[in-house]
Amino acid sequence: MNNQQNAEFQVGQAKGQAEEKGNQLMDQASNAAQAAKESVQQAGQQIQEKAQQATEAVKDATGMNK
């Protein structure tokens, strides 16, 4: 293998490693986004449940729930 072939090989290796690192970073970003989405959905569900409980408490207190 001459110097030019060796240099081309090393460039190819570096390119492959950079692509793999990029793919790993994209996977990590995707996982973080999914976790954030799930967290927001869970928080929204909790808020909705609390609002429903508050509505029922008001109805009970005012006699509208009979």
C-alpha atoms as a PDB file:
ATOM      1  CA  MET A   1       0.000   0.000   0.000  1.00  0.00           C
ATOM      2  CA  ASN A   2       1.572   3.309  -1.057  1.00  0.00           C
ATOM      3  CA  ASN A   3       1.252   6.614   0.801  1.00  0.00           C
ATOM      4  CA  GLN A   4      -1.688   7.825  -1.280  1.00  0.00           C
ATOM      5  CA  GLN A   5      -3.610   4.599  -0.728  1.00  0.00           C
ATOM      6  CA  ASN A   6      -2.834   4.762   2.971  1.00  0.00           C
ATOM      7  CA  ALA A   7      -4.044   8.358   3.174  1.00  0.00           C
ATOM      8  CA  GLU A   8      -7.241   7.491   1.278  1.00  0.00           C
ATOM      9  CA  PHE A   9      -7.818   4.571   3.609  1.00  0.00           C
ATOM     10  CA  GLN A  10      -7.393   6.779   6.658  1.00  0.00           C
ATOM     11  CA  VAL A  11      -9.764   9.395   5.217  1.00  0.00           C
ATOM     12  CA  GLY A  12     -12.325   6.649   4.612  1.00  0.00           C
ATOM     13  CA  GLN A  13     -11.881   5.397   8.155  1.00  0.00           C
ATOM     14  CA  ALA A  14     -12.313   8.889   9.582  1.00  0.00           C
ATOM     15  CA  LYS A  15     -15.412   9.467   7.456  1.00  0.00           C
ATOM     16  CA  GLY A  16     -16.951   6.203   8.636  1.00  0.00           C
ATOM     17  CA  GLN A  17     -16.226   7.024  12.266  1.00  0.00           C
ATOM     18  CA  ALA A  18     -17.715  10.512  11.882  1.00  0.00           C
ATOM     19  CA  GLU A  19     -20.860   9.078  10.312  1.00  0.00           C
ATOM     20  CA  GLU A  20     -21.211   6.543  13.119  1.00  0.00           C
ATOM     21  CA  LYS A  21     -20.742   9.242  15.758  1.00  0.00           C
ATOM     22  CA  GLY A  22     -23.360  11.362  13.984  1.00  0.00           C
ATOM     23  CA  ASN A  23     -25.783   8.440  13.997  1.00  0.00           C
ATOM     24  CA  GLN A  24     -25.187   7.885  17.705  1.00  0.00           C
ATOM     25  CA  LEU A  25     -25.846  11.553  18.452  1.00  0.00           C
ATOM     26  CA  MET A  26     -29.047  11.462  16.401  1.00  0.00           C
ATOM     27  CA  ASP A  27     -30.206   8.386  18.308  1.00  0.00           C
ATOM     28  CA  GLN A  28     -29.488  10.100  21.623  1.00  0.00           C
ATOM     29  CA  ALA A  29     -31.374  13.214  20.531  1.00  0.00           C
ATOM     30  CA  SER A  30     -34.309  11.094  19.386  1.00  0.00           C
ATOM     31  CA  ASN A  31     -34.383   9.229  22.701  1.00  0.00           C
ATOM     32  CA  ALA A  32     -34.255  12.498  24.642  1.00  0.00           C
ATOM     33  CA  ALA A  33     -37.087  13.936  22.561  1.00  0.00           C
ATOM     34  CA  GLN A  34     -39.217  10.841  23.132  1.00  0.00           C
ATOM     35  CA  ALA A  35     -38.588  10.984  26.882  1.00  0.00           C
ATOM     36  CA  ALA A  36     -39.529  14.667  26.952  1.00  0.00           C
ATOM     37  CA  LYS A  37     -42.704  13.961  24.986  1.00  0.00           C
ATOM     38  CA  GLU A  38     -43.711  11.218  27.401  1.00  0.00           C
ATOM     39  CA  SER A  39     -42.973  13.462  30.376  1.00  0.00           C
ATOM     40  CA  VAL A  40     -45.108  16.284  28.965  1.00  0.00           C
ATOM     41  CA  GLN A  41     -47.948  13.859  28.201  1.00  0.00           C
ATOM     42  CA  GLN A  42     -47.817  12.516  31.742  1.00  0.00           C
ATOM     43  CA  ALA A  43     -47.830  16.025  33.210  1.00  0.00           C
ATOM     44  CA  GLY A  44     -50.787  16.962  31.012  1.00  0.00           C
ATOM     45  CA  GLN A  45     -52.691  13.894  32.132  1.00  0.00           C
ATOM     46  CA  GLN A  46     -52.024  14.729  35.794  1.00  0.00           C
ATOM     47  CA  ILE A  47     -53.232  18.296  35.268  1.00  0.00           C
ATOM     48  CA  GLN A  48     -56.375  17.033  33.569  1.00  0.00           C
ATOM     49  CA  GLU A  49     -57.060  14.652  36.473  1.00  0.00           C
ATOM     50  CA  LYS A  50     -56.544  17.443  39.026  1.00  0.00           C
ATOM     51  CA  ALA A  51     -58.903  19.714  37.094  1.00  0.00           C
ATOM     52  CA  GLN A  52     -61.548  16.983  37.030  1.00  0.00           C
ATOM     53  CA  GLN A  53     -61.127  16.453  40.775  1.00  0.00           C
ATOM     54  CA  ALA A  54     -61.498  20.189  41.379  1.00  0.00           C
ATOM     55  CA  THR A  55     -64.626  20.275  39.235  1.00  0.00           C
ATOM     56  CA  GLU A  56     -66.134  17.407  41.188  1.00  0.00           C
ATOM     57  CA  ALA A  57     -65.225  19.084  44.490  1.00  0.00           C
ATOM     58  CA  VAL A  58     -66.998  22.294  43.393  1.00  0.00           C
ATOM     59  CA  LYS A  59     -70.050  20.313  42.289  1.00  0.00           C
ATOM     60  CA  ASP A  60     -70.125  18.479  45.630  1.00  0.00           C
ATOM     61  CA  ALA A  61     -69.730  21.702  47.582  1.00  0.00           C
ATOM     62  CA  THR A  62     -72.516  23.462  45.667  1.00  0.00           C
ATOM     63  CA  GLY A  63     -74.874  20.498  45.581  1.00  0.00           C
ATOM     64  CA  MET A  64     -74.731  20.217  41.807  1.00  0.00           C
ATOM     65  CA  ASN A  65     -73.468  16.660  41.912  1.00  0.00           C
ATOM     66  CA  LYS A  66     -76.727  15.118  43.130  1.00  0.00           C
END
